[in-house]
Amino acid sequence: MKEFEHPLWTEHGAEAKATGHEGADYFPLREFLQSVRKGTPPPIDAADAAAWSSIIPLSAKSIAEGGAPQGIPDFTRGKWETRKA
């Protein structure tokens, strides 16, 4: 597996894992802070962040409803179809 490890994990893996969630939060936060420092667009926008954040409460609702599928709200109000990546 070492052969296929991403260079960011090679360089920052120990620091990332020390921050909790096995490093899952480290890299998105790192990229966001770099974009703020450089004045560039963040790697994800508010709509993406809201969609990601909706998964846990939607999962809880699904469980409470016996595993019923839950739709993820469109936080872009349809603009996801035309926005530039």
PDB file of N, CA and C in Angstrom:
ATOM      1  N   MET A   1       0.808  -1.184   0.000  1.00  0.00           N
ATOM      2  CA  MET A   1       0.000   0.000   0.000  1.00  0.00           C
ATOM      3  C   MET A   1       0.863   1.265   0.000  1.00  0.00           C
ATOM      4  N   LYS A   2       2.022   1.186   0.596  1.00  0.00           N
ATOM      5  CA  LYS A   2       2.894   2.363   0.626  1.00  0.00           C
ATOM      6  C   LYS A   2       3.172   2.880  -0.779  1.00  0.00           C
ATOM      7  N   GLU A   3       3.280   1.968  -1.713  1.00  0.00           N
ATOM      8  CA  GLU A   3       3.572   2.332  -3.103  1.00  0.00           C
ATOM      9  C   GLU A   3       2.505   3.262  -3.685  1.00  0.00           C
ATOM     10  N   PHE A   4       1.268   3.128  -3.232  1.00  0.00           N
ATOM     11  CA  PHE A   4       0.160   3.901  -3.782  1.00  0.00           C
ATOM     12  C   PHE A   4      -0.286   5.055  -2.893  1.00  0.00           C
ATOM     13  N   GLU A   5       0.426   5.275  -1.800  1.00  0.00           N
ATOM     14  CA  GLU A   5       0.039   6.347  -0.883  1.00  0.00           C
ATOM     15  C   GLU A   5       0.226   7.709  -1.540  1.00  0.00           C
ATOM     16  N   HIS A   6      -0.764   8.571  -1.360  1.00  0.00           N
ATOM     17  CA  HIS A   6      -0.718   9.910  -1.939  1.00  0.00           C
ATOM     18  C   HIS A   6       0.403  10.709  -1.287  1.00  0.00           C
ATOM     19  N   PRO A   7       1.090  11.549  -2.056  1.00  0.00           N
ATOM     20  CA  PRO A   7       2.186  12.347  -1.495  1.00  0.00           C
ATOM     21  C   PRO A   7       1.776  13.214  -0.303  1.00  0.00           C
ATOM     22  N   LEU A   8       0.531  13.704  -0.274  1.00  0.00           N
ATOM     23  CA  LEU A   8       0.084  14.491   0.877  1.00  0.00           C
ATOM     24  C   LEU A   8       0.062  13.645   2.147  1.00  0.00           C
ATOM     25  N   TRP A   9      -0.350  12.379   2.028  1.00  0.00           N
ATOM     26  CA  TRP A   9      -0.333  11.503   3.198  1.00  0.00           C
ATOM     27  C   TRP A   9       1.095  11.200   3.618  1.00  0.00           C
ATOM     28  N   THR A  10       1.978  11.040   2.651  1.00  0.00           N
ATOM     29  CA  THR A  10       3.380  10.787   2.976  1.00  0.00           C
ATOM     30  C   THR A  10       3.966  11.966   3.738  1.00  0.00           C
ATOM     31  N   GLU A  11       3.669  13.170   3.279  1.00  0.00           N
ATOM     32  CA  GLU A  11       4.236  14.378   3.872  1.00  0.00           C
ATOM     33  C   GLU A  11       3.549  14.797   5.166  1.00  0.00           C
ATOM     34  N   HIS A  12       2.222  14.678   5.249  1.00  0.00           N
ATOM     35  CA  HIS A  12       1.473  15.220   6.375  1.00  0.00           C
ATOM     36  C   HIS A  12       0.686  14.175   7.166  1.00  0.00           C
ATOM     37  N   GLY A  13       0.861  12.901   6.852  1.00  0.00           N
ATOM     38  CA  GLY A  13       0.045  11.852   7.463  1.00  0.00           C
ATOM     39  C   GLY A  13       0.075  11.818   8.974  1.00  0.00           C
ATOM     40  N   ALA A  14       1.253  11.915   9.569  1.00  0.00           N
ATOM     41  CA  ALA A  14       1.356  11.854  11.034  1.00  0.00           C
ATOM     42  C   ALA A  14       0.632  13.038  11.669  1.00  0.00           C
ATOM     43  N   GLU A  15       0.840  14.223  11.120  1.00  0.00           N
ATOM     44  CA  GLU A  15       0.165  15.419  11.633  1.00  0.00           C
ATOM     45  C   GLU A  15      -1.350  15.298  11.444  1.00  0.00           C
ATOM     46  N   ALA A  16      -1.769  14.809  10.279  1.00  0.00           N
ATOM     47  CA  ALA A  16      -3.195  14.671   9.987  1.00  0.00           C
ATOM     48  C   ALA A  16      -3.857  13.713  10.967  1.00  0.00           C
ATOM     49  N   LYS A  17      -3.250  12.569  11.196  1.00  0.00           N
ATOM     50  CA  LYS A  17      -3.840  11.568  12.086  1.00  0.00           C
ATOM     51  C   LYS A  17      -3.909  12.058  13.525  1.00  0.00           C
ATOM     52  N   ALA A  18      -3.005  12.957  13.906  1.00  0.00           N
ATOM     53  CA  ALA A  18      -2.993  13.486  15.270  1.00  0.00           C
ATOM     54  C   ALA A  18      -4.136  14.465  15.520  1.00  0.00           C
ATOM     55  N   THR A  19      -4.821  14.911  14.463  1.00  0.00           N
ATOM     56  CA  THR A  19      -5.886  15.903  14.615  1.00  0.00           C
ATOM     57  C   THR A  19      -7.259  15.274  14.824  1.00  0.00           C
ATOM     58  N   GLY A  20      -7.370  13.986  14.751  1.00  0.00           N
ATOM     59  CA  GLY A  20      -8.651  13.319  14.954  1.00  0.00           C
ATOM     60  C   GLY A  20      -9.268  12.827  13.659  1.00  0.00           C
ATOM     61  N   HIS A  21     -10.248  11.935  13.800  1.00  0.00           N
ATOM     62  CA  HIS A  21     -10.939  11.321  12.661  1.00  0.00           C
ATOM     63  C   HIS A  21      -9.956  10.693  11.671  1.00  0.00           C
ATOM     64  N   GLU A  22      -8.845  10.211  12.190  1.00  0.00           N
ATOM     65  CA  GLU A  22      -7.818   9.579  11.347  1.00  0.00           C
ATOM     66  C   GLU A  22      -7.356  10.488  10.212  1.00  0.00           C
ATOM     67  N   GLY A  23      -7.444  11.784  10.417  1.00  0.00           N
ATOM     68  CA  GLY A  23      -6.966  12.742   9.432  1.00  0.00           C
ATOM     69  C   GLY A  23      -8.000  13.194   8.432  1.00  0.00           C
ATOM     70  N   ALA A  24      -9.223  12.698   8.546  1.00  0.00           N
ATOM     71  CA  ALA A  24     -10.251  13.022   7.551  1.00  0.00           C
ATOM     72  C   ALA A  24     -10.581  14.512   7.507  1.00  0.00           C
ATOM     73  N   ASP A  25     -10.489  15.188   8.641  1.00  0.00           N
ATOM     74  CA  ASP A  25     -10.792  16.619   8.673  1.00  0.00           C
ATOM     75  C   ASP A  25      -9.589  17.478   8.296  1.00  0.00           C
ATOM     76  N   TYR A  26      -8.418  16.941   8.484  1.00  0.00           N
ATOM     77  CA  TYR A  26      -7.191  17.718   8.311  1.00  0.00           C
ATOM     78  C   TYR A  26      -7.044  18.292   6.901  1.00  0.00           C
ATOM     79  N   PHE A  27      -7.174  17.458   5.897  1.00  0.00           N
ATOM     80  CA  PHE A  27      -6.895  17.912   4.534  1.00  0.00           C
ATOM     81  C   PHE A  27      -7.918  18.917   3.997  1.00  0.00           C
ATOM     82  N   PRO A  28      -9.226  18.714   4.198  1.00  0.00           N
ATOM     83  CA  PRO A  28     -10.158  19.757   3.748  1.00  0.00           C
ATOM     84  C   PRO A  28      -9.922  21.094   4.457  1.00  0.00           C
ATOM     85  N   LEU A  29      -9.661  21.043   5.762  1.00  0.00           N
ATOM     86  CA  LEU A  29      -9.393  22.287   6.488  1.00  0.00           C
ATOM     87  C   LEU A  29      -8.091  22.930   6.024  1.00  0.00           C
ATOM     88  N   ARG A  30      -7.086  22.112   5.767  1.00  0.00           N
ATOM     89  CA  ARG A  30      -5.803  22.619   5.275  1.00  0.00           C
ATOM     90  C   ARG A  30      -5.983  23.329   3.934  1.00  0.00           C
ATOM     91  N   GLU A  31      -6.730  22.707   3.030  1.00  0.00           N
ATOM     92  CA  GLU A  31      -6.961  23.306   1.717  1.00  0.00           C
ATOM     93  C   GLU A  31      -7.766  24.598   1.839  1.00  0.00           C
ATOM     94  N   PHE A  32      -8.763  24.608   2.729  1.00  0.00           N
ATOM     95  CA  PHE A  32      -9.551  25.818   2.929  1.00  0.00           C
ATOM     96  C   PHE A  32      -8.672  26.957   3.436  1.00  0.00           C
ATOM     97  N   LEU A  33      -7.856  26.674   4.434  1.00  0.00           N
ATOM     98  CA  LEU A  33      -6.983  27.717   4.987  1.00  0.00           C
ATOM     99  C   LEU A  33      -5.983  28.218   3.943  1.00  0.00           C
ATOM    100  N   GLN A  34      -5.469  27.318   3.125  1.00  0.00           N
ATOM    101  CA  GLN A  34      -4.556  27.751   2.058  1.00  0.00           C
ATOM    102  C   GLN A  34      -5.269  28.670   1.071  1.00  0.00           C
ATOM    103  N   SER A  35      -6.523  28.373   0.755  1.00  0.00           N
ATOM    104  CA  SER A  35      -7.256  29.225  -0.184  1.00  0.00           C
ATOM    105  C   SER A  35      -7.499  30.606   0.420  1.00  0.00           C
ATOM    106  N   VAL A  36      -7.774  30.662   1.724  1.00  0.00           N
ATOM    107  CA  VAL A  36      -7.963  31.957   2.388  1.00  0.00           C
ATOM    108  C   VAL A  36      -6.664  32.751   2.341  1.00  0.00           C
ATOM    109  N   ARG A  37      -5.567  32.103   2.666  1.00  0.00           N
ATOM    110  CA  ARG A  37      -4.262  32.781   2.672  1.00  0.00           C
ATOM    111  C   ARG A  37      -3.876  33.296   1.290  1.00  0.00           C
ATOM    112  N   LYS A  38      -4.190  32.501   0.258  1.00  0.00           N
ATOM    113  CA  LYS A  38      -3.804  32.862  -1.111  1.00  0.00           C
ATOM    114  C   LYS A  38      -4.845  33.718  -1.822  1.00  0.00           C
ATOM    115  N   GLY A  39      -6.033  33.845  -1.224  1.00  0.00           N
ATOM    116  CA  GLY A  39      -7.097  34.612  -1.868  1.00  0.00           C
ATOM    117  C   GLY A  39      -7.679  33.910  -3.082  1.00  0.00           C
ATOM    118  N   THR A  40      -7.655  32.575  -3.075  1.00  0.00           N
ATOM    119  CA  THR A  40      -8.206  31.786  -4.181  1.00  0.00           C
ATOM    120  C   THR A  40      -9.521  31.140  -3.738  1.00  0.00           C
ATOM    121  N   PRO A  41     -10.331  30.679  -4.687  1.00  0.00           N
ATOM    122  CA  PRO A  41     -11.593  30.033  -4.304  1.00  0.00           C
ATOM    123  C   PRO A  41     -11.330  28.797  -3.442  1.00  0.00           C
ATOM    124  N   PRO A  42     -12.180  28.546  -2.448  1.00  0.00           N
ATOM    125  CA  PRO A  42     -12.004  27.355  -1.617  1.00  0.00           C
ATOM    126  C   PRO A  42     -12.266  26.086  -2.421  1.00  0.00           C
ATOM    127  N   PRO A  43     -11.737  24.953  -1.963  1.00  0.00           N
ATOM    128  CA  PRO A  43     -11.913  23.706  -2.701  1.00  0.00           C
ATOM    129  C   PRO A  43     -13.361  23.242  -2.784  1.00  0.00           C
ATOM    130  N   ILE A  44     -14.166  23.586  -1.778  1.00  0.00           N
ATOM    131  CA  ILE A  44     -15.601  23.326  -1.844  1.00  0.00           C
ATOM    132  C   ILE A  44     -16.317  24.603  -1.441  1.00  0.00           C
ATOM    133  N   ASP A  45     -17.531  24.760  -1.960  1.00  0.00           N
ATOM    134  CA  ASP A  45     -18.283  25.971  -1.618  1.00  0.00           C
ATOM    135  C   ASP A  45     -19.285  25.658  -0.503  1.00  0.00           C
ATOM    136  N   ALA A  46     -20.045  26.672  -0.117  1.00  0.00           N
ATOM    137  CA  ALA A  46     -20.992  26.529   0.995  1.00  0.00           C
ATOM    138  C   ALA A  46     -22.046  25.466   0.701  1.00  0.00           C
ATOM    139  N   ALA A  47     -22.488  25.375  -0.549  1.00  0.00           N
ATOM    140  CA  ALA A  47     -23.500  24.368  -0.898  1.00  0.00           C
ATOM    141  C   ALA A  47     -22.937  22.957  -0.741  1.00  0.00           C
ATOM    142  N   ASP A  48     -21.702  22.747  -1.172  1.00  0.00           N
ATOM    143  CA  ASP A  48     -21.067  21.441  -0.997  1.00  0.00           C
ATOM    144  C   ASP A  48     -20.908  21.122   0.486  1.00  0.00           C
ATOM    145  N   ALA A  49     -20.458  22.092   1.256  1.00  0.00           N
ATOM    146  CA  ALA A  49     -20.283  21.880   2.696  1.00  0.00           C
ATOM    147  C   ALA A  49     -21.614  21.530   3.357  1.00  0.00           C
ATOM    148  N   ALA A  50     -22.680  22.219   2.965  1.00  0.00           N
ATOM    149  CA  ALA A  50     -24.001  21.928   3.531  1.00  0.00           C
ATOM    150  C   ALA A  50     -24.450  20.516   3.148  1.00  0.00           C
ATOM    151  N   ALA A  51     -24.224  20.133   1.909  1.00  0.00           N
ATOM    152  CA  ALA A  51     -24.604  18.780   1.474  1.00  0.00           C
ATOM    153  C   ALA A  51     -23.831  17.724   2.261  1.00  0.00           C
ATOM    154  N   TRP A  52     -22.530  17.919   2.408  1.00  0.00           N
ATOM    155  CA  TRP A  52     -21.714  16.973   3.183  1.00  0.00           C
ATOM    156  C   TRP A  52     -22.216  16.898   4.618  1.00  0.00           C
ATOM    157  N   SER A  53     -22.552  18.054   5.185  1.00  0.00           N
ATOM    158  CA  SER A  53     -22.982  18.106   6.583  1.00  0.00           C
ATOM    159  C   SER A  53     -24.368  17.511   6.783  1.00  0.00           C
ATOM    160  N   SER A  54     -25.135  17.382   5.735  1.00  0.00           N
ATOM    161  CA  SER A  54     -26.498  16.860   5.865  1.00  0.00           C
ATOM    162  C   SER A  54     -26.534  15.340   5.984  1.00  0.00           C
ATOM    163  N   ILE A  55     -25.443  14.666   5.677  1.00  0.00           N
ATOM    164  CA  ILE A  55     -25.453  13.198   5.632  1.00  0.00           C
ATOM    165  C   ILE A  55     -25.776  12.576   6.991  1.00  0.00           C
ATOM    166  N   ILE A  56     -25.183  13.079   8.070  1.00  0.00           N
ATOM    167  CA  ILE A  56     -25.425  12.476   9.384  1.00  0.00           C
ATOM    168  C   ILE A  56     -26.883  12.641   9.811  1.00  0.00           C
ATOM    169  N   PRO A  57     -27.456  13.866   9.776  1.00  0.00           N
ATOM    170  CA  PRO A  57     -28.870  13.950  10.172  1.00  0.00           C
ATOM    171  C   PRO A  57     -29.806  13.183   9.230  1.00  0.00           C
ATOM    172  N   LEU A  58     -29.480  13.137   7.944  1.00  0.00           N
ATOM    173  CA  LEU A  58     -30.323  12.362   7.027  1.00  0.00           C
ATOM    174  C   LEU A  58     -30.201  10.867   7.304  1.00  0.00           C
ATOM    175  N   SER A  59     -29.017  10.422   7.674  1.00  0.00           N
ATOM    176  CA  SER A  59     -28.831   9.012   8.045  1.00  0.00           C
ATOM    177  C   SER A  59     -29.638   8.684   9.293  1.00  0.00           C
ATOM    178  N   ALA A  60     -29.589   9.576  10.279  1.00  0.00           N
ATOM    179  CA  ALA A  60     -30.367   9.363  11.507  1.00  0.00           C
ATOM    180  C   ALA A  60     -31.858   9.300  11.191  1.00  0.00           C
ATOM    181  N   LYS A  61     -32.317  10.181  10.320  1.00  0.00           N
ATOM    182  CA  LYS A  61     -33.735  10.177   9.928  1.00  0.00           C
ATOM    183  C   LYS A  61     -34.095   8.879   9.206  1.00  0.00           C
ATOM    184  N   SER A  62     -33.195   8.424   8.344  1.00  0.00           N
ATOM    185  CA  SER A  62     -33.421   7.169   7.628  1.00  0.00           C
ATOM    186  C   SER A  62     -33.543   6.004   8.602  1.00  0.00           C
ATOM    187  N   ILE A  63     -32.633   5.964   9.583  1.00  0.00           N
ATOM    188  CA  ILE A  63     -32.674   4.894  10.585  1.00  0.00           C
ATOM    189  C   ILE A  63     -33.981   4.953  11.359  1.00  0.00           C
ATOM    190  N   ALA A  64     -34.376   6.163  11.772  1.00  0.00           N
ATOM    191  CA  ALA A  64     -35.615   6.334  12.536  1.00  0.00           C
ATOM    192  C   ALA A  64     -36.833   5.903  11.729  1.00  0.00           C
ATOM    193  N   GLU A  65     -36.724   5.967  10.412  1.00  0.00           N
ATOM    194  CA  GLU A  65     -37.838   5.589   9.533  1.00  0.00           C
ATOM    195  C   GLU A  65     -37.638   4.189   8.949  1.00  0.00           C
ATOM    196  N   GLY A  66     -36.884   3.364   9.648  1.00  0.00           N
ATOM    197  CA  GLY A  66     -36.720   1.971   9.234  1.00  0.00           C
ATOM    198  C   GLY A  66     -35.874   1.781   7.992  1.00  0.00           C
ATOM    199  N   GLY A  67     -34.948   2.689   7.749  1.00  0.00           N
ATOM    200  CA  GLY A  67     -34.062   2.571   6.592  1.00  0.00           C
ATOM    201  C   GLY A  67     -34.607   3.221   5.334  1.00  0.00           C
ATOM    202  N   ALA A  68     -35.618   4.057   5.491  1.00  0.00           N
ATOM    203  CA  ALA A  68     -36.221   4.715   4.322  1.00  0.00           C
ATOM    204  C   ALA A  68     -35.214   5.649   3.658  1.00  0.00           C
ATOM    205  N   PRO A  69     -35.148   5.630   2.327  1.00  0.00           N
ATOM    206  CA  PRO A  69     -34.249   6.544   1.618  1.00  0.00           C
ATOM    207  C   PRO A  69     -34.601   7.997   1.920  1.00  0.00           C
ATOM    208  N   GLN A  70     -33.593   8.831   1.963  1.00  0.00           N
ATOM    209  CA  GLN A  70     -33.778  10.259   2.209  1.00  0.00           C
ATOM    210  C   GLN A  70     -33.119  11.031   1.067  1.00  0.00           C
ATOM    211  N   GLY A  71     -33.787  12.032   0.591  1.00  0.00           N
ATOM    212  CA  GLY A  71     -33.206  12.868  -0.448  1.00  0.00           C
ATOM    213  C   GLY A  71     -32.265  13.901   0.154  1.00  0.00           C
ATOM    214  N   ILE A  72     -31.182  14.173  -0.539  1.00  0.00           N
ATOM    215  CA  ILE A  72     -30.277  15.235  -0.099  1.00  0.00           C
ATOM    216  C   ILE A  72     -30.798  16.540  -0.679  1.00  0.00           C
ATOM    217  N   PRO A  73     -31.040  17.533   0.174  1.00  0.00           N
ATOM    218  CA  PRO A  73     -31.568  18.809  -0.326  1.00  0.00           C
ATOM    219  C   PRO A  73     -30.628  19.442  -1.351  1.00  0.00           C
ATOM    220  N   ASP A  74     -31.203  20.140  -2.299  1.00  0.00           N
ATOM    221  CA  ASP A  74     -30.406  20.867  -3.292  1.00  0.00           C
ATOM    222  C   ASP A  74     -30.101  22.250  -2.727  1.00  0.00           C
ATOM    223  N   PHE A  75     -28.952  22.362  -2.095  1.00  0.00           N
ATOM    224  CA  PHE A  75     -28.559  23.626  -1.473  1.00  0.00           C
ATOM    225  C   PHE A  75     -28.150  24.688  -2.488  1.00  0.00           C
ATOM    226  N   THR A  76     -28.071  24.301  -3.768  1.00  0.00           N
ATOM    227  CA  THR A  76     -27.704  25.268  -4.816  1.00  0.00           C
ATOM    228  C   THR A  76     -28.938  25.852  -5.504  1.00  0.00           C
ATOM    229  N   ARG A  77     -30.118  25.329  -5.157  1.00  0.00           N
ATOM    230  CA  ARG A  77     -31.368  25.737  -5.818  1.00  0.00           C
ATOM    231  C   ARG A  77     -31.277  25.559  -7.336  1.00  0.00           C
ATOM    232  N   GLY A  78     -30.734  24.440  -7.754  1.00  0.00           N
ATOM    233  CA  GLY A  78     -30.643  24.105  -9.176  1.00  0.00           C
ATOM    234  C   GLY A  78     -29.414  24.640  -9.893  1.00  0.00           C
ATOM    235  N   LYS A  79     -28.638  25.461  -9.224  1.00  0.00           N
ATOM    236  CA  LYS A  79     -27.473  26.059  -9.901  1.00  0.00           C
ATOM    237  C   LYS A  79     -26.330  25.075 -10.103  1.00  0.00           C
ATOM    238  N   TRP A  80     -26.392  23.899  -9.478  1.00  0.00           N
ATOM    239  CA  TRP A  80     -25.335  22.902  -9.656  1.00  0.00           C
ATOM    240  C   TRP A  80     -25.228  22.474 -11.116  1.00  0.00           C
ATOM    241  N   GLU A  81     -26.331  22.615 -11.845  1.00  0.00           N
ATOM    242  CA  GLU A  81     -26.326  22.182 -13.252  1.00  0.00           C
ATOM    243  C   GLU A  81     -25.542  23.126 -14.157  1.00  0.00           C
ATOM    244  N   THR A  82     -25.401  24.377 -13.754  1.00  0.00           N
ATOM    245  CA  THR A  82     -24.734  25.349 -14.630  1.00  0.00           C
ATOM    246  C   THR A  82     -23.488  25.982 -14.023  1.00  0.00           C
ATOM    247  N   ARG A  83     -23.221  25.708 -12.738  1.00  0.00           N
ATOM    248  CA  ARG A  83     -22.064  26.368 -12.129  1.00  0.00           C
ATOM    249  C   ARG A  83     -20.763  25.768 -12.658  1.00  0.00           C
ATOM    250  N   LYS A  84     -19.748  26.597 -12.669  1.00  0.00           N
ATOM    251  CA  LYS A  84     -18.436  26.151 -13.127  1.00  0.00           C
ATOM    252  C   LYS A  84     -17.728  25.424 -11.990  1.00  0.00           C
ATOM    253  N   ALA A  85     -17.046  24.357 -12.330  1.00  0.00           N
ATOM    254  CA  ALA A  85     -16.340  23.552 -11.312  1.00  0.00           C
ATOM    255  C   ALA A  85     -15.112  24.267 -10.816  1.00  0.00           C
TER     256      ALA A  85
END
